[in-house]
């Protein structure tokens, strides 16, 4: 399967979040993934959350990477998003109160991505997530009611999945 890898360098500025979303939408369009497909909307939200964490909590420049299937192999492929920064602090569990305006970003990533985790990269870290693209009419991961069954994500150091031991917590990349 052919995979296209693209990246965008971002400054530690909150205005970069919107630029990263726009960039991700344009790259998805070139890979044969339509803007109205659920995977596109989910990926743009994940870009927004991970880039927000990078620019707000690290104060360091970061790099956003997308690994996208080539248009002819897009069906059934996996899309991977990575945000790498120079801050070595690991993502830590954070319990956001009901009135809090932040602190739910990585909880959203945990709920929306098929897999996610983080790893050390040089003197910093890389937070990644993956979305599996499937034909909605053939959703093998759905139960009788149509709800998706979460899969645990334990394959990478620091990886948290639906069963990662921190259920009920929000996560913050700091």
C-alpha atoms as a PDB file:
ATOM      1  CA  UNK A   1       0.000   0.000   0.000  1.00  0.00           C
ATOM      2  CA  UNK A   2       1.305   3.434  -0.948  1.00  0.00           C
ATOM      3  CA  UNK A   3       1.408   6.043   1.826  1.00  0.00           C
ATOM      4  CA  UNK A   4       1.939   9.768   1.418  1.00  0.00           C
ATOM      5  CA  UNK A   5       3.708  11.452   4.343  1.00  0.00           C
ATOM      6  CA  UNK A   6       3.402  15.222   4.731  1.00  0.00           C
ATOM      7  CA  UNK A   7       4.375  17.574   7.510  1.00  0.00           C
ATOM      8  CA  UNK A   8       3.795  21.120   8.677  1.00  0.00           C
ATOM      9  CA  UNK A   9       5.982  23.106  11.059  1.00  0.00           C
ATOM     10  CA  UNK A  10       4.047  25.185  13.569  1.00  0.00           C
ATOM     11  CA  UNK A  11       5.060  28.012  15.876  1.00  0.00           C
ATOM     12  CA  UNK A  12       4.022  28.090  19.548  1.00  0.00           C
ATOM     13  CA  UNK A  13       1.163  30.471  18.736  1.00  0.00           C
ATOM     14  CA  UNK A  14      -2.555  29.686  19.195  1.00  0.00           C
ATOM     15  CA  UNK A  15      -3.243  31.082  15.696  1.00  0.00           C
ATOM     16  CA  UNK A  16      -1.363  28.068  14.341  1.00  0.00           C
ATOM     17  CA  UNK A  17      -4.237  25.765  15.333  1.00  0.00           C
ATOM     18  CA  UNK A  18      -6.487  27.174  12.594  1.00  0.00           C
ATOM     19  CA  UNK A  19      -3.665  27.013  10.064  1.00  0.00           C
ATOM     20  CA  UNK A  20      -3.041  23.351  10.955  1.00  0.00           C
ATOM     21  CA  UNK A  21      -6.747  22.490  10.508  1.00  0.00           C
ATOM     22  CA  UNK A  22      -6.834  24.195   7.094  1.00  0.00           C
ATOM     23  CA  UNK A  23      -3.619  22.404   6.070  1.00  0.00           C
ATOM     24  CA  UNK A  24      -5.001  19.014   7.174  1.00  0.00           C
ATOM     25  CA  UNK A  25      -8.235  19.543   5.191  1.00  0.00           C
ATOM     26  CA  UNK A  26      -6.260  20.347   2.045  1.00  0.00           C
ATOM     27  CA  UNK A  27      -4.058  17.265   2.442  1.00  0.00           C
ATOM     28  CA  UNK A  28      -7.069  15.004   2.998  1.00  0.00           C
ATOM     29  CA  UNK A  29      -8.677  16.278  -0.199  1.00  0.00           C
ATOM     30  CA  UNK A  30      -5.550  15.324  -2.138  1.00  0.00           C
ATOM     31  CA  UNK A  31      -5.607  11.804  -0.733  1.00  0.00           C
ATOM     32  CA  UNK A  32      -9.088  10.926  -1.959  1.00  0.00           C
ATOM     33  CA  UNK A  33     -10.768  11.369   1.431  1.00  0.00           C
ATOM     34  CA  UNK A  34     -13.797  13.625   0.986  1.00  0.00           C
ATOM     35  CA  UNK A  35     -14.307  16.607   3.294  1.00  0.00           C
ATOM     36  CA  UNK A  36     -17.761  15.321   4.232  1.00  0.00           C
ATOM     37  CA  UNK A  37     -16.560  11.855   5.257  1.00  0.00           C
ATOM     38  CA  UNK A  38     -16.662  11.174   9.024  1.00  0.00           C
ATOM     39  CA  UNK A  39     -12.956  10.271   9.056  1.00  0.00           C
ATOM     40  CA  UNK A  40     -12.099  13.715   7.626  1.00  0.00           C
ATOM     41  CA  UNK A  41     -14.136  15.554  10.240  1.00  0.00           C
ATOM     42  CA  UNK A  42     -12.675  13.418  13.028  1.00  0.00           C
ATOM     43  CA  UNK A  43      -9.110  13.865  11.811  1.00  0.00           C
ATOM     44  CA  UNK A  44      -9.469  17.651  11.633  1.00  0.00           C
ATOM     45  CA  UNK A  45     -10.791  17.660  15.212  1.00  0.00           C
ATOM     46  CA  UNK A  46      -7.844  15.510  16.333  1.00  0.00           C
ATOM     47  CA  UNK A  47      -5.404  17.869  14.567  1.00  0.00           C
ATOM     48  CA  UNK A  48      -7.024  20.749  16.422  1.00  0.00           C
ATOM     49  CA  UNK A  49      -6.748  19.047  19.818  1.00  0.00           C
ATOM     50  CA  UNK A  50      -3.148  17.833  19.468  1.00  0.00           C
ATOM     51  CA  UNK A  51      -1.857  21.085  17.968  1.00  0.00           C
ATOM     52  CA  UNK A  52      -3.647  23.062  20.691  1.00  0.00           C
ATOM     53  CA  UNK A  53      -1.902  20.938  23.324  1.00  0.00           C
ATOM     54  CA  UNK A  54       1.456  21.497  21.658  1.00  0.00           C
ATOM     55  CA  UNK A  55       1.193  25.274  21.315  1.00  0.00           C
ATOM     56  CA  UNK A  56      -0.549  25.980  24.629  1.00  0.00           C
ATOM     57  CA  UNK A  57       1.255  23.603  26.978  1.00  0.00           C
ATOM     58  CA  UNK A  58       4.808  23.400  25.644  1.00  0.00           C
ATOM     59  CA  UNK A  59       5.729  26.871  24.416  1.00  0.00           C
ATOM     60  CA  UNK A  60       7.879  25.117  21.780  1.00  0.00           C
ATOM     61  CA  UNK A  61       7.614  24.870  17.991  1.00  0.00           C
ATOM     62  CA  UNK A  62       6.143  21.582  16.796  1.00  0.00           C
ATOM     63  CA  UNK A  63       5.785  19.480  13.670  1.00  0.00           C
ATOM     64  CA  UNK A  64       2.475  18.006  12.515  1.00  0.00           C
ATOM     65  CA  UNK A  65       2.798  14.886  10.350  1.00  0.00           C
ATOM     66  CA  UNK A  66       0.122  13.063   8.417  1.00  0.00           C
ATOM     67  CA  UNK A  67       0.521   9.648   6.843  1.00  0.00           C
ATOM     68  CA  UNK A  68      -2.223   9.344   4.251  1.00  0.00           C
ATOM     69  CA  UNK A  69      -3.104   6.541   1.862  1.00  0.00           C
ATOM     70  CA  UNK A  70      -2.697   7.229  -1.849  1.00  0.00           C
ATOM     71  CA  UNK A  71      -6.118   7.869  -3.474  1.00  0.00           C
ATOM     72  CA  UNK A  72      -6.233   4.465  -5.202  1.00  0.00           C
ATOM     73  CA  UNK A  73      -5.604   2.628  -1.896  1.00  0.00           C
ATOM     74  CA  UNK A  74      -7.532   4.910   0.474  1.00  0.00           C
ATOM     75  CA  UNK A  75     -10.452   2.554   1.173  1.00  0.00           C
ATOM     76  CA  UNK A  76      -9.777   0.439   4.239  1.00  0.00           C
ATOM     77  CA  UNK A  77      -6.484   2.217   4.982  1.00  0.00           C
ATOM     78  CA  UNK A  78      -5.219   3.795   8.203  1.00  0.00           C
ATOM     79  CA  UNK A  79      -4.584   7.526   8.549  1.00  0.00           C
ATOM     80  CA  UNK A  80      -1.905   8.471  11.094  1.00  0.00           C
ATOM     81  CA  UNK A  81      -1.498  11.867  12.741  1.00  0.00           C
ATOM     82  CA  UNK A  82       1.601  12.795  14.760  1.00  0.00           C
ATOM     83  CA  UNK A  83       2.505  15.971  16.591  1.00  0.00           C
ATOM     84  CA  UNK A  84       6.131  16.170  17.702  1.00  0.00           C
ATOM     85  CA  UNK A  85       7.498  18.888  19.965  1.00  0.00           C
ATOM     86  CA  UNK A  86      10.734  19.620  21.813  1.00  0.00           C
ATOM     87  CA  UNK A  87       9.194  19.391  25.283  1.00  0.00           C
ATOM     88  CA  UNK A  88      10.179  16.187  27.074  1.00  0.00           C
ATOM     89  CA  UNK A  89       7.309  16.210  29.578  1.00  0.00           C
ATOM     90  CA  UNK A  90       4.971  13.267  29.060  1.00  0.00           C
ATOM     91  CA  UNK A  91       1.206  13.556  28.745  1.00  0.00           C
ATOM     92  CA  UNK A  92      -0.266  13.190  32.223  1.00  0.00           C
ATOM     93  CA  UNK A  93      -3.801  12.376  33.392  1.00  0.00           C
ATOM     94  CA  UNK A  94      -5.813  15.445  34.292  1.00  0.00           C
ATOM     95  CA  UNK A  95      -9.258  15.489  35.802  1.00  0.00           C
ATOM     96  CA  UNK A  96     -11.198  18.429  34.346  1.00  0.00           C
ATOM     97  CA  UNK A  97     -14.085  19.692  36.452  1.00  0.00           C
ATOM     98  CA  UNK A  98     -17.513  20.335  34.986  1.00  0.00           C
ATOM     99  CA  UNK A  99     -16.941  24.093  34.761  1.00  0.00           C
ATOM    100  CA  UNK A 100     -13.391  23.855  33.375  1.00  0.00           C
ATOM    101  CA  UNK A 101     -12.856  25.322  29.906  1.00  0.00           C
ATOM    102  CA  UNK A 102      -9.945  23.021  29.088  1.00  0.00           C
ATOM    103  CA  UNK A 103      -8.361  19.730  29.990  1.00  0.00           C
ATOM    104  CA  UNK A 104     -10.395  17.429  27.755  1.00  0.00           C
ATOM    105  CA  UNK A 105      -8.244  17.334  24.622  1.00  0.00           C
ATOM    106  CA  UNK A 106      -6.568  13.975  25.085  1.00  0.00           C
ATOM    107  CA  UNK A 107      -9.791  12.490  26.437  1.00  0.00           C
ATOM    108  CA  UNK A 108     -11.314  13.389  23.057  1.00  0.00           C
ATOM    109  CA  UNK A 109      -8.359  11.806  21.297  1.00  0.00           C
ATOM    110  CA  UNK A 110      -8.848   8.661  23.386  1.00  0.00           C
ATOM    111  CA  UNK A 111     -12.533   8.547  22.497  1.00  0.00           C
ATOM    112  CA  UNK A 112     -12.236   9.301  18.785  1.00  0.00           C
ATOM    113  CA  UNK A 113      -9.030   7.621  17.618  1.00  0.00           C
ATOM    114  CA  UNK A 114      -8.800   3.897  16.938  1.00  0.00           C
ATOM    115  CA  UNK A 115      -5.370   3.923  18.597  1.00  0.00           C
ATOM    116  CA  UNK A 116      -3.177   6.585  20.166  1.00  0.00           C
ATOM    117  CA  UNK A 117      -0.094   6.943  22.278  1.00  0.00           C
ATOM    118  CA  UNK A 118       3.149   8.800  22.668  1.00  0.00           C
ATOM    119  CA  UNK A 119       6.844   8.131  22.465  1.00  0.00           C
ATOM    120  CA  UNK A 120      10.101   9.904  23.184  1.00  0.00           C
ATOM    121  CA  UNK A 121      11.562  11.653  20.141  1.00  0.00           C
ATOM    122  CA  UNK A 122      15.041  13.100  20.570  1.00  0.00           C
ATOM    123  CA  UNK A 123      14.830  15.550  23.458  1.00  0.00           C
ATOM    124  CA  UNK A 124      11.062  15.863  23.069  1.00  0.00           C
ATOM    125  CA  UNK A 125       8.076  13.650  22.382  1.00  0.00           C
ATOM    126  CA  UNK A 126       5.701  12.558  19.668  1.00  0.00           C
ATOM    127  CA  UNK A 127       1.986  12.108  20.314  1.00  0.00           C
ATOM    128  CA  UNK A 128       0.263  10.051  17.647  1.00  0.00           C
ATOM    129  CA  UNK A 129      -3.149   8.704  16.805  1.00  0.00           C
ATOM    130  CA  UNK A 130      -4.569   6.523  14.058  1.00  0.00           C
ATOM    131  CA  UNK A 131      -7.943   6.337  12.370  1.00  0.00           C
ATOM    132  CA  UNK A 132      -8.996   3.328  10.326  1.00  0.00           C
ATOM    133  CA  UNK A 133     -10.940   4.182   7.208  1.00  0.00           C
ATOM    134  CA  UNK A 134     -13.661   1.679   6.468  1.00  0.00           C
ATOM    135  CA  UNK A 135     -16.738   1.413   4.307  1.00  0.00           C
ATOM    136  CA  UNK A 136     -19.575   2.506   6.643  1.00  0.00           C
ATOM    137  CA  UNK A 137     -21.875  -0.153   5.158  1.00  0.00           C
ATOM    138  CA  UNK A 138     -19.393  -2.852   6.194  1.00  0.00           C
ATOM    139  CA  UNK A 139     -18.490  -1.706   9.706  1.00  0.00           C
ATOM    140  CA  UNK A 140     -17.117  -4.930  11.175  1.00  0.00           C
ATOM    141  CA  UNK A 141     -16.389  -3.216  14.492  1.00  0.00           C
ATOM    142  CA  UNK A 142     -20.023  -2.462  15.254  1.00  0.00           C
ATOM    143  CA  UNK A 143     -22.197  -4.483  17.581  1.00  0.00           C
ATOM    144  CA  UNK A 144     -25.888  -5.239  16.964  1.00  0.00           C
ATOM    145  CA  UNK A 145     -26.947  -1.726  17.993  1.00  0.00           C
ATOM    146  CA  UNK A 146     -24.418  -0.141  15.620  1.00  0.00           C
ATOM    147  CA  UNK A 147     -22.172   1.128  18.426  1.00  0.00           C
ATOM    148  CA  UNK A 148     -18.424   0.735  17.943  1.00  0.00           C
ATOM    149  CA  UNK A 149     -16.607  -1.431  20.424  1.00  0.00           C
ATOM    150  CA  UNK A 150     -13.387   0.225  21.644  1.00  0.00           C
ATOM    151  CA  UNK A 151     -10.120  -1.611  21.186  1.00  0.00           C
ATOM    152  CA  UNK A 152      -7.381  -1.275  23.793  1.00  0.00           C
ATOM    153  CA  UNK A 153      -4.182   0.464  22.677  1.00  0.00           C
ATOM    154  CA  UNK A 154      -1.217  -0.956  24.558  1.00  0.00           C
ATOM    155  CA  UNK A 155       1.418  -1.285  21.858  1.00  0.00           C
ATOM    156  CA  UNK A 156       3.517   1.839  22.552  1.00  0.00           C
ATOM    157  CA  UNK A 157       5.242   3.119  25.672  1.00  0.00           C
ATOM    158  CA  UNK A 158       2.919   5.638  27.255  1.00  0.00           C
ATOM    159  CA  UNK A 159      -0.047   4.532  25.187  1.00  0.00           C
ATOM    160  CA  UNK A 160      -3.433   5.002  26.754  1.00  0.00           C
ATOM    161  CA  UNK A 161      -6.470   3.297  25.317  1.00  0.00           C
ATOM    162  CA  UNK A 162     -10.038   2.748  26.377  1.00  0.00           C
ATOM    163  CA  UNK A 163      -8.732   0.258  28.965  1.00  0.00           C
ATOM    164  CA  UNK A 164      -5.497   2.079  29.826  1.00  0.00           C
ATOM    165  CA  UNK A 165      -6.292   2.470  33.512  1.00  0.00           C
ATOM    166  CA  UNK A 166      -7.252   6.148  33.442  1.00  0.00           C
ATOM    167  CA  UNK A 167     -10.950   5.967  32.593  1.00  0.00           C
ATOM    168  CA  UNK A 168     -12.781   9.083  33.735  1.00  0.00           C
ATOM    169  CA  UNK A 169      -9.686  11.281  33.428  1.00  0.00           C
ATOM    170  CA  UNK A 170      -8.931  13.921  30.842  1.00  0.00           C
ATOM    171  CA  UNK A 171      -5.360  14.069  29.545  1.00  0.00           C
ATOM    172  CA  UNK A 172      -3.139  17.033  28.995  1.00  0.00           C
ATOM    173  CA  UNK A 173       0.087  17.031  27.021  1.00  0.00           C
ATOM    174  CA  UNK A 174       2.452  19.142  29.049  1.00  0.00           C
END
